[in-house]
Amino acid sequence: MIEKITVQSFGAAKTVTGSCHLITAGKLKILVDCGLFQGIDEERNYDPFLFDPKDIDYLIVTHAHLDHIGRIPLLVKNGFRGKIISTKPTRIISRIMLLDAAKVMEEEYRVEYRKALRRGEPEKVKPPLFDEDDVYEAMEHFRIQLEYDQPLKLTESIRIRFKNAGHILGSAYVQIDIDTVSGVKTLIFSGDLGLKERLIIDPLTFSDRGEYIFVESTYGNRKHRSLEESIDEFEKAIVESFEDGGNIVIPTFALERSQEILFVLRMMYDQGRLPKCKIFLDSPLAISATKIFLQFPEYFNSDLKDMIRKGENPFIFPYVHFTQTVEESKMINSIDNGAIILAGSGMCTGGRIKHHLKHNLWRPESSVIFVGYQAKGTLGRRIIDGAEKVKIYGEEIAVKARIYTINGFSSHADKPVLIEWLKNFKNRKNIFLIHGEPEVLEIFRENINQELKIRSHIVEFGEKIYIN
């Protein structure tokens, strides 16, 4: 029997990114996620861990986005020798995500180091957080893969199981049951939650068991448009943009969003609503992720399963081109009109998307369609907030292109779904708010107080929460 349980959040506390939550249950130490800080918080990635990685027995990974897995190689470099628990898709996707991150960091370091040498300040350039060898070593610790609702005993007193979070392929929220001297305590960590209606994967499932609930709050202050409305809005943006005669640039996250947008374009093509064009998936990572998706049709919703059974590929049709190499990517910039360019990163912080924005953002006949969350401090956020000019690779670029923001494709639950998910926990005692910007957390807390008649707590960084 466990006498004392504490929880501390060393990331995603009053910010969206850097997910990292430490549970101490008796002598056992469990970490839920170990992600990168992004946007205005990215410098925090160089801060030392405020716990000893050697002491962590298990790391539970909710899903394979970098703000949930991106510091795992650092954790291992600093002495973590425990076991990592995830779903099978999460393990496989984590490998490509982390290898890509290592490659991007190395490339950015080389560029910045050369600039610093010319300034005579090479010592001011921070080295990459980790390299490919660190990733390979980290992957050796992904030793346990669970299916949804499959129970796992960590000790005689502690059990866990995954529930479908409906966020991305293989994403889960975690139920942790702990036998204590005063009875069983059930903790829930949401990871990132999805919506009740998804284009590709099975949607979020609800659970009625959970007393101490740590819930993401990214969109806790708003209601998304319905998926149907968002698809209509997206189609209208595509048609309008081609009428103007330019290109369409879509910053996309390699995982889930790229596949969803390809599928919507495929539906438009099948139904004769897509203007003749060339569609470029200009992301080696997204191309790899798309191939991984096809390995796990059992995670798809019924419509996609039917397509797969018929031998159809939901992501491939005649207009689509996968561009793997840098040379192929550069060739796209010779096209003045009639191109739809899907490239990462999704928040425009790096990768090939910046080159495509540099070539199209200043053109009034071109369009940029944002279909995902843009964190504070990112290039994407500055554009959607109305910046007249932005700096890309040291050059000021005028923002003349038509800008669309379509939030209904978000893989994050909105306020109504978050409230419904929380309502379903019949024995809830405490709700702890994580993964949100401060102003959003305050609004979401008020909504929870009003609609659930229960007080919730906004978690502070490093705060020790006692579960009793």
Protein backbone atom coordinates (compact mmCIF):
# COMPACT_ATOMS: atom_id res chain seq x y z
CA MET A 1 0.00 0.00 0.00
CA ILE A 2 1.24 3.47 -0.92
CA GLU A 3 1.16 6.10 1.81
CA LYS A 4 2.03 9.25 -0.13
CA ILE A 5 1.53 10.40 -3.73
CA THR A 6 2.81 13.66 -5.19
CA VAL A 7 2.72 15.16 -8.68
CA GLN A 8 4.99 17.87 -10.07
CA SER A 9 4.82 19.44 -13.53
CA PHE A 10 8.18 20.44 -15.01
CA GLY A 11 6.69 21.54 -18.29
CA ALA A 12 3.30 22.43 -19.79
CA ALA A 13 2.57 24.41 -16.62
CA LYS A 14 1.14 27.82 -17.59
CA THR A 15 2.42 27.12 -21.09
CA VAL A 16 1.35 24.76 -23.87
CA THR A 17 4.58 22.93 -24.59
CA GLY A 18 7.32 21.00 -22.75
CA SER A 19 5.03 18.34 -21.29
CA CYS A 20 6.72 16.65 -18.31
CA HIS A 21 4.89 15.44 -15.20
CA LEU A 22 6.54 13.54 -12.35
CA ILE A 23 4.49 11.21 -10.15
CA THR A 24 6.07 9.94 -6.96
CA ALA A 25 4.11 7.05 -5.45
CA GLY A 26 5.97 5.64 -2.49
CA LYS A 27 9.41 4.73 -3.82
CA LEU A 28 8.28 4.52 -7.46
CA LYS A 29 8.86 7.50 -9.76
CA ILE A 30 6.85 7.74 -12.97
CA LEU A 31 7.29 10.43 -15.61
CA VAL A 32 4.41 11.19 -17.96
CA ASP A 33 5.93 12.63 -21.17
CA CYS A 34 9.22 14.46 -21.62
CA GLY A 35 8.72 17.03 -24.35
CA LEU A 36 10.42 20.00 -25.94
CA PHE A 37 9.50 23.56 -25.10
CA GLN A 38 8.55 25.41 -28.28
CA GLY A 39 7.92 29.00 -29.34
CA ILE A 40 8.80 31.68 -26.76
CA ASP A 41 9.81 28.98 -24.24
CA GLU A 42 12.33 27.09 -26.39
CA GLU A 43 15.38 28.39 -24.49
CA ARG A 44 14.13 26.40 -21.49
CA ASN A 45 15.18 23.20 -23.26
CA TYR A 46 18.75 23.94 -22.16
CA ASP A 47 17.79 24.17 -18.49
CA PRO A 48 18.79 21.14 -16.39
CA PHE A 49 16.09 18.73 -15.27
CA LEU A 50 14.85 19.61 -11.78
CA PHE A 51 14.84 15.91 -10.85
CA ASP A 52 17.41 13.18 -11.26
CA PRO A 53 16.69 11.17 -14.44
CA LYS A 54 18.49 8.21 -12.85
CA ASP A 55 15.66 7.96 -10.31
CA ILE A 56 12.86 7.58 -12.88
CA ASP A 57 11.55 4.01 -13.06
CA TYR A 58 9.04 4.44 -15.92
CA LEU A 59 8.36 7.03 -18.58
CA ILE A 60 4.82 6.92 -19.96
CA VAL A 61 4.53 8.54 -23.39
CA THR A 62 1.06 9.73 -24.38
CA HIS A 63 1.85 10.42 -28.05
CA ALA A 64 4.64 11.25 -30.47
CA HIS A 65 4.48 15.02 -30.86
CA LEU A 66 7.80 16.70 -30.03
CA ASP A 67 6.37 18.75 -27.19
CA HIS A 68 5.68 15.38 -25.51
CA ILE A 69 8.74 13.33 -26.58
CA GLY A 70 11.40 15.83 -27.64
CA ARG A 71 13.56 15.71 -24.51
CA ILE A 72 13.62 11.92 -24.15
CA PRO A 73 17.14 11.69 -25.67
CA LEU A 74 18.25 14.32 -23.12
CA LEU A 75 16.67 12.30 -20.35
CA VAL A 76 18.68 9.25 -21.41
CA LYS A 77 21.87 11.31 -21.82
CA ASN A 78 21.39 12.42 -18.23
CA GLY A 79 21.11 8.91 -16.83
CA PHE A 80 17.57 7.59 -17.35
CA ARG A 81 17.70 3.79 -17.49
CA GLY A 82 14.05 2.95 -16.89
CA LYS A 83 11.41 1.58 -19.24
CA ILE A 84 9.37 3.66 -21.66
CA ILE A 85 5.72 2.69 -22.10
CA SER A 86 3.72 3.71 -25.17
CA THR A 87 1.39 2.39 -27.84
CA LYS A 88 3.06 0.66 -30.79
CA PRO A 89 2.34 3.50 -33.27
CA THR A 90 3.78 6.01 -30.78
CA ARG A 91 7.03 4.05 -30.52
CA ILE A 92 7.45 3.82 -34.29
CA ILE A 93 6.50 7.44 -34.93
CA SER A 94 8.71 8.68 -32.07
CA ARG A 95 11.74 7.25 -33.85
CA ILE A 96 11.21 9.24 -37.05
CA MET A 97 10.18 12.39 -35.18
CA LEU A 98 13.27 12.37 -32.95
CA LEU A 99 15.67 11.51 -35.79
CA ASP A 100 14.22 14.37 -37.82
CA ALA A 101 14.55 16.74 -34.84
CA ALA A 102 18.20 15.75 -34.40
CA LYS A 103 18.87 16.39 -38.09
CA VAL A 104 17.15 19.79 -38.04
CA MET A 105 19.00 20.88 -34.89
CA GLU A 106 22.36 19.87 -36.40
CA GLU A 107 21.63 21.77 -39.63
CA GLU A 108 20.52 24.89 -37.75
CA TYR A 109 23.58 24.70 -35.52
CA ARG A 110 25.94 24.59 -38.50
CA VAL A 111 24.27 27.62 -40.09
CA GLU A 112 24.32 29.65 -36.88
CA TYR A 113 27.88 28.60 -36.08
CA ARG A 114 29.13 29.84 -39.48
CA LYS A 115 27.38 33.17 -38.90
CA ALA A 116 28.87 33.42 -35.41
CA LEU A 117 32.36 32.68 -36.74
CA ARG A 118 32.05 35.62 -39.11
CA ARG A 119 30.99 37.79 -36.16
CA GLY A 120 33.84 36.44 -34.04
CA GLU A 121 31.38 35.00 -31.49
CA PRO A 122 31.32 31.20 -32.01
CA GLU A 123 31.12 30.59 -28.26
CA LYS A 124 27.64 32.15 -28.18
CA VAL A 125 26.09 29.40 -30.33
CA LYS A 126 24.54 26.62 -28.28
CA PRO A 127 25.17 23.07 -29.55
CA PRO A 128 22.28 20.78 -30.52
CA LEU A 129 20.40 19.29 -27.60
CA PHE A 130 21.06 15.78 -28.91
CA ASP A 131 22.23 13.94 -32.01
CA GLU A 132 21.12 10.83 -33.92
CA ASP A 133 23.19 8.50 -31.72
CA ASP A 134 21.34 9.85 -28.68
CA VAL A 135 18.04 9.07 -30.42
CA TYR A 136 19.06 5.49 -31.17
CA GLU A 137 20.05 4.99 -27.54
CA ALA A 138 16.78 6.51 -26.34
CA MET A 139 14.74 4.18 -28.57
CA GLU A 140 16.28 1.18 -26.79
CA HIS A 141 14.22 2.16 -23.74
CA PHE A 142 10.84 1.89 -25.55
CA ARG A 143 10.34 -1.59 -24.09
CA ILE A 144 6.61 -1.84 -23.36
CA GLN A 145 3.83 -1.27 -25.90
CA LEU A 146 0.20 -1.36 -24.81
CA GLU A 147 -3.07 -1.54 -26.68
CA TYR A 148 -5.94 0.70 -25.60
CA ASP A 149 -7.60 -0.62 -22.40
CA GLN A 150 -4.88 -3.23 -21.87
CA PRO A 151 -4.00 -3.21 -18.14
CA LEU A 152 -0.39 -3.22 -16.95
CA LYS A 153 0.89 -3.75 -13.41
CA LEU A 154 3.90 -1.62 -12.58
CA THR A 155 3.95 -2.91 -9.00
CA GLU A 156 1.51 -4.80 -6.80
CA SER A 157 -0.01 -1.44 -5.86
CA ILE A 158 0.15 0.50 -9.14
CA ARG A 159 -1.65 -0.27 -12.41
CA ILE A 160 -1.98 1.72 -15.62
CA ARG A 161 -3.98 1.55 -18.82
CA PHE A 162 -4.24 3.67 -21.96
CA LYS A 163 -7.46 5.14 -23.33
CA ASN A 164 -7.85 6.44 -26.89
CA ALA A 165 -7.20 10.19 -26.83
CA GLY A 166 -8.29 10.68 -30.45
CA HIS A 167 -5.51 13.24 -30.98
CA ILE A 168 -3.07 11.60 -33.42
CA LEU A 169 -2.32 8.04 -34.49
CA GLY A 170 -1.64 5.99 -31.35
CA SER A 171 -2.31 8.84 -28.91
CA ALA A 172 -3.54 7.97 -25.44
CA TYR A 173 -4.58 9.41 -22.14
CA VAL A 174 -3.39 7.54 -19.09
CA GLN A 175 -5.32 6.08 -16.19
CA ILE A 176 -3.15 5.29 -13.16
CA ASP A 177 -4.73 3.31 -10.30
CA ILE A 178 -2.80 3.36 -7.04
CA ASP A 179 -3.66 1.30 -3.95
CA THR A 180 -3.17 3.50 -0.89
CA VAL A 181 -3.78 3.06 2.82
CA SER A 182 -7.05 4.99 2.37
CA GLY A 183 -8.24 3.15 -0.77
CA VAL A 184 -7.64 3.23 -4.52
CA LYS A 185 -6.69 6.61 -6.00
CA THR A 186 -7.22 7.06 -9.75
CA LEU A 187 -5.14 9.65 -11.57
CA ILE A 188 -5.79 10.71 -15.17
CA PHE A 189 -3.27 12.46 -17.40
CA SER A 190 -4.90 13.66 -20.60
CA GLY A 191 -1.84 14.12 -22.79
CA ASP A 192 -3.49 15.94 -25.69
CA LEU A 193 -7.13 15.17 -26.39
CA GLY A 194 -8.78 15.13 -29.79
CA LEU A 195 -12.31 15.74 -30.96
CA LYS A 196 -15.35 13.46 -31.15
CA GLU A 197 -15.23 13.59 -34.94
CA ARG A 198 -12.00 12.80 -36.81
CA LEU A 199 -11.18 12.43 -40.49
CA ILE A 200 -8.79 9.49 -40.23
CA ILE A 201 -8.41 7.94 -36.78
CA ASP A 202 -11.02 6.71 -34.32
CA PRO A 203 -12.25 9.63 -32.19
CA LEU A 204 -11.71 10.32 -28.51
CA THR A 205 -13.22 7.77 -26.11
CA PHE A 206 -14.73 8.72 -22.77
CA SER A 207 -14.11 7.11 -19.39
CA ASP A 208 -16.10 7.35 -16.17
CA ARG A 209 -13.28 6.48 -13.73
CA GLY A 210 -11.01 9.28 -12.59
CA GLU A 211 -10.66 11.25 -9.38
CA TYR A 212 -7.57 13.44 -9.90
CA ILE A 213 -7.61 14.69 -13.48
CA PHE A 214 -4.75 16.56 -15.14
CA VAL A 215 -6.27 17.99 -18.29
CA GLU A 216 -4.83 19.84 -21.27
CA SER A 217 -6.33 23.28 -21.87
CA THR A 218 -4.90 24.40 -25.21
CA TYR A 219 -8.29 25.42 -26.60
CA GLY A 220 -10.12 25.70 -23.28
CA ASN A 221 -11.41 29.14 -24.23
CA ARG A 222 -13.05 28.46 -27.58
CA LYS A 223 -15.32 26.29 -29.67
CA HIS A 224 -14.01 25.02 -33.01
CA ARG A 225 -16.11 25.09 -36.09
CA SER A 226 -17.52 21.70 -36.97
CA LEU A 227 -15.46 19.42 -39.18
CA GLU A 228 -18.02 19.77 -41.96
CA GLU A 229 -17.88 23.57 -41.78
CA SER A 230 -14.07 23.49 -41.73
CA ILE A 231 -13.92 21.27 -44.82
CA ASP A 232 -16.29 23.66 -46.61
CA GLU A 233 -14.16 26.63 -45.51
CA PHE A 234 -11.00 24.87 -46.67
CA GLU A 235 -12.49 24.04 -50.08
CA LYS A 236 -13.64 27.65 -50.51
CA ALA A 237 -10.13 28.88 -49.65
CA ILE A 238 -8.61 26.54 -52.24
CA VAL A 239 -11.00 27.62 -55.01
CA GLU A 240 -10.68 31.36 -54.18
CA SER A 241 -6.91 31.14 -54.09
CA PHE A 242 -6.64 29.51 -57.50
CA GLU A 243 -8.96 32.16 -58.93
CA ASP A 244 -6.31 34.71 -57.90
CA GLY A 245 -3.74 32.81 -59.94
CA GLY A 246 -1.03 32.14 -57.37
CA ASN A 247 0.13 29.25 -55.24
CA ILE A 248 -1.27 27.94 -51.99
CA VAL A 249 1.12 27.31 -49.11
CA ILE A 250 -0.15 25.18 -46.22
CA PRO A 251 2.12 24.88 -43.15
CA THR A 252 1.41 21.37 -41.91
CA PHE A 253 2.52 19.23 -39.04
CA ALA A 254 4.07 16.08 -40.46
CA LEU A 255 1.99 13.90 -38.21
CA GLU A 256 -1.81 13.71 -38.65
CA ARG A 257 -2.41 17.14 -40.19
CA SER A 258 -0.55 16.37 -43.42
CA GLN A 259 -2.48 13.13 -43.81
CA GLU A 260 -5.81 14.81 -43.03
CA ILE A 261 -5.25 17.58 -45.57
CA LEU A 262 -4.23 15.03 -48.22
CA PHE A 263 -7.39 13.08 -47.47
CA VAL A 264 -9.60 16.19 -47.80
CA LEU A 265 -7.92 17.03 -51.11
CA ARG A 266 -8.49 13.42 -52.18
CA MET A 267 -12.21 13.75 -51.38
CA MET A 268 -12.37 17.00 -53.38
CA TYR A 269 -10.65 15.27 -56.30
CA ASP A 270 -12.97 12.24 -56.19
CA GLN A 271 -16.02 14.52 -56.17
CA GLY A 272 -14.75 16.76 -58.98
CA ARG A 273 -14.42 19.85 -56.78
CA LEU A 274 -10.63 20.24 -56.85
CA PRO A 275 -9.24 22.56 -59.56
CA LYS A 276 -6.52 20.98 -61.67
CA CYS A 277 -3.27 21.56 -59.83
CA LYS A 278 -0.04 20.07 -58.55
CA ILE A 279 0.01 19.06 -54.89
CA PHE A 280 3.41 18.73 -53.25
CA LEU A 281 3.92 16.97 -49.94
CA ASP A 282 7.29 18.60 -49.40
CA SER A 283 8.38 16.93 -46.19
CA PRO A 284 10.43 13.75 -45.89
CA LEU A 285 9.10 13.40 -42.35
CA ALA A 286 5.47 13.71 -43.44
CA ILE A 287 6.10 11.21 -46.25
CA SER A 288 7.52 8.72 -43.72
CA ALA A 289 4.61 9.37 -41.35
CA THR A 290 2.11 8.75 -44.16
CA LYS A 291 3.68 5.36 -44.85
CA ILE A 292 3.51 4.52 -41.12
CA PHE A 293 -0.21 5.40 -41.06
CA LEU A 294 -0.88 2.70 -43.61
CA GLN A 295 0.70 0.12 -41.27
CA PHE A 296 -2.03 0.68 -38.67
CA PRO A 297 -5.45 0.59 -40.38
CA GLU A 298 -6.95 -0.83 -37.16
CA TYR A 299 -6.61 2.68 -35.66
CA PHE A 300 -8.61 4.27 -38.52
CA ASN A 301 -12.26 5.21 -38.40
CA SER A 302 -14.79 3.08 -40.27
CA ASP A 303 -14.74 5.13 -43.50
CA LEU A 304 -10.97 4.84 -43.87
CA LYS A 305 -11.04 1.13 -42.98
CA ASP A 306 -13.51 0.60 -45.83
CA MET A 307 -11.20 2.38 -48.27
CA ILE A 308 -8.23 0.26 -47.16
CA ARG A 309 -10.28 -2.95 -47.54
CA LYS A 310 -11.08 -1.95 -51.12
CA GLY A 311 -7.37 -1.57 -51.83
CA GLU A 312 -7.53 2.24 -52.09
CA ASN A 313 -4.82 4.51 -50.70
CA PRO A 314 -6.59 7.47 -49.02
CA PHE A 315 -3.56 9.74 -49.40
CA ILE A 316 -2.58 9.19 -53.05
CA PHE A 317 -4.28 10.43 -56.23
CA PRO A 318 -3.05 11.75 -59.61
CA TYR A 319 -2.24 15.35 -58.57
CA VAL A 320 -0.03 14.39 -55.62
CA HIS A 321 3.78 14.49 -55.70
CA PHE A 322 6.03 13.45 -52.80
CA THR A 323 9.23 15.52 -52.78
CA GLN A 324 11.97 13.86 -50.76
CA THR A 325 15.15 15.65 -51.80
CA VAL A 326 16.27 19.25 -51.36
CA GLU A 327 16.64 19.56 -55.12
CA GLU A 328 13.03 18.49 -55.66
CA SER A 329 11.92 20.99 -53.03
CA LYS A 330 13.79 23.85 -54.69
CA MET A 331 12.19 23.05 -58.03
CA ILE A 332 8.77 23.86 -56.55
CA ASN A 333 9.80 27.51 -56.22
CA SER A 334 9.99 27.81 -60.01
CA ILE A 335 6.20 27.32 -60.16
CA ASP A 336 4.30 30.63 -60.14
CA ASN A 337 0.75 29.30 -59.96
CA GLY A 338 -1.40 26.22 -59.63
CA ALA A 339 0.58 24.59 -56.82
CA ILE A 340 -0.60 23.47 -53.39
CA ILE A 341 2.47 23.12 -51.16
CA LEU A 342 2.22 21.19 -47.90
CA ALA A 343 5.41 21.59 -45.88
CA GLY A 344 6.66 21.73 -42.32
CA SER A 345 7.19 22.85 -39.75
CA GLY A 346 3.57 23.39 -38.81
CA MET A 347 4.34 26.57 -36.84
CA CYS A 348 6.80 27.83 -39.49
CA THR A 349 9.73 27.71 -37.06
CA GLY A 350 12.03 25.84 -39.44
CA GLY A 351 12.18 23.35 -42.27
CA ARG A 352 11.09 23.74 -45.88
CA ILE A 353 8.00 25.84 -45.14
CA LYS A 354 10.13 28.92 -44.52
CA HIS A 355 11.57 28.73 -48.05
CA HIS A 356 8.08 28.47 -49.55
CA LEU A 357 6.84 31.39 -47.45
CA LYS A 358 9.85 33.43 -48.56
CA HIS A 359 8.89 32.82 -52.20
CA ASN A 360 5.11 33.28 -51.83
CA LEU A 361 4.25 35.41 -48.79
CA TRP A 362 4.94 38.70 -50.58
CA ARG A 363 2.76 37.80 -53.57
CA PRO A 364 -0.86 39.14 -53.39
CA GLU A 365 -2.00 36.39 -55.77
CA SER A 366 -0.79 33.63 -53.44
CA SER A 367 -2.40 32.33 -50.25
CA VAL A 368 -1.31 30.80 -46.98
CA ILE A 369 -3.76 28.50 -45.22
CA PHE A 370 -3.07 27.77 -41.55
CA VAL A 371 -4.74 24.58 -40.37
CA GLY A 372 -3.10 24.12 -36.96
CA TYR A 373 -2.22 25.76 -33.67
CA GLN A 374 0.42 28.51 -33.77
CA ALA A 375 2.23 29.03 -30.46
CA LYS A 376 3.26 32.46 -29.21
CA GLY A 377 6.65 33.52 -30.49
CA THR A 378 6.50 31.48 -33.70
CA LEU A 379 6.61 32.84 -37.25
CA GLY A 380 3.19 31.35 -37.91
CA ARG A 381 1.69 33.19 -34.94
CA ARG A 382 3.16 36.51 -36.09
CA ILE A 383 1.63 36.05 -39.53
CA ILE A 384 -1.87 35.18 -38.31
CA ASP A 385 -1.69 38.03 -35.77
CA GLY A 386 -1.45 40.44 -38.70
CA ALA A 387 2.24 41.29 -39.07
CA GLU A 388 2.82 43.46 -42.15
CA LYS A 389 6.38 42.19 -42.50
CA VAL A 390 8.24 39.18 -41.12
CA LYS A 391 11.91 38.23 -41.16
CA ILE A 392 12.78 34.96 -42.90
CA TYR A 393 16.42 33.90 -43.12
CA GLY A 394 17.52 37.44 -42.31
CA GLU A 395 15.39 39.06 -45.03
CA GLU A 396 12.31 41.18 -44.42
CA ILE A 397 9.34 39.77 -46.34
CA ALA A 398 6.12 41.72 -46.83
CA VAL A 399 2.95 39.83 -45.93
CA LYS A 400 0.82 40.43 -49.02
CA ALA A 401 -0.59 36.95 -49.58
CA ARG A 402 -4.14 36.16 -48.53
CA ILE A 403 -4.08 34.55 -45.06
CA TYR A 404 -6.63 31.94 -43.97
CA THR A 405 -6.91 30.40 -40.51
CA ILE A 406 -9.03 27.26 -40.27
CA ASN A 407 -9.11 25.89 -36.74
CA GLY A 408 -11.65 23.12 -37.24
CA PHE A 409 -8.93 20.74 -38.39
CA SER A 410 -7.30 21.04 -35.00
CA SER A 411 -6.34 17.74 -33.43
CA HIS A 412 -6.95 19.37 -30.03
CA ALA A 413 -10.29 19.18 -28.25
CA ASP A 414 -12.11 22.48 -27.90
CA LYS A 415 -13.86 23.75 -24.77
CA PRO A 416 -17.18 21.89 -25.24
CA VAL A 417 -15.40 18.55 -25.76
CA LEU A 418 -13.04 19.14 -22.83
CA ILE A 419 -16.00 19.94 -20.57
CA GLU A 420 -17.91 16.85 -21.77
CA TRP A 421 -14.84 14.65 -21.24
CA LEU A 422 -14.47 15.98 -17.68
CA LYS A 423 -18.19 15.55 -16.96
CA ASN A 424 -17.94 11.88 -17.77
CA PHE A 425 -15.72 11.20 -14.73
CA LYS A 426 -18.40 10.42 -12.17
CA ASN A 427 -16.10 10.33 -9.14
CA ARG A 428 -13.95 13.35 -9.96
CA LYS A 429 -12.46 15.08 -6.91
CA ASN A 430 -9.89 17.51 -8.29
CA ILE A 431 -9.17 18.95 -11.71
CA PHE A 432 -5.71 20.30 -12.53
CA LEU A 433 -5.20 22.51 -15.57
CA ILE A 434 -2.06 22.07 -17.68
CA HIS A 435 -1.03 22.63 -21.31
CA GLY A 436 -2.42 26.11 -21.81
CA GLU A 437 -1.46 29.75 -22.13
CA PRO A 438 -2.14 31.70 -18.88
CA GLU A 439 -5.09 33.72 -20.18
CA VAL A 440 -6.72 30.58 -21.62
CA LEU A 441 -6.24 28.69 -18.35
CA GLU A 442 -8.06 31.43 -16.43
CA ILE A 443 -11.03 31.36 -18.81
CA PHE A 444 -11.17 27.57 -18.78
CA ARG A 445 -11.05 27.48 -14.98
CA GLU A 446 -14.06 29.80 -14.80
CA ASN A 447 -15.97 27.63 -17.26
CA ILE A 448 -15.23 24.49 -15.26
CA ASN A 449 -16.38 26.20 -12.06
CA GLN A 450 -19.63 27.28 -13.71
CA GLU A 451 -20.48 24.15 -15.71
CA LEU A 452 -19.18 21.38 -13.45
CA LYS A 453 -19.73 23.10 -10.10
CA ILE A 454 -16.24 22.10 -9.05
CA ARG A 455 -13.15 24.19 -8.45
CA SER A 456 -10.10 23.54 -10.60
CA HIS A 457 -6.48 24.42 -10.05
CA ILE A 458 -4.00 25.98 -12.49
CA VAL A 459 -0.76 24.08 -12.02
CA GLU A 460 2.42 26.07 -11.39
CA PHE A 461 5.81 24.97 -12.72
CA GLY A 462 7.47 22.61 -10.22
CA GLU A 463 4.59 22.89 -7.71
CA LYS A 464 4.26 19.82 -5.51
CA ILE A 465 0.66 18.56 -5.53
CA TYR A 466 -0.32 16.07 -2.85
CA ILE A 467 -2.88 13.44 -3.79
CA ASN A 468 -4.89 12.49 -0.70
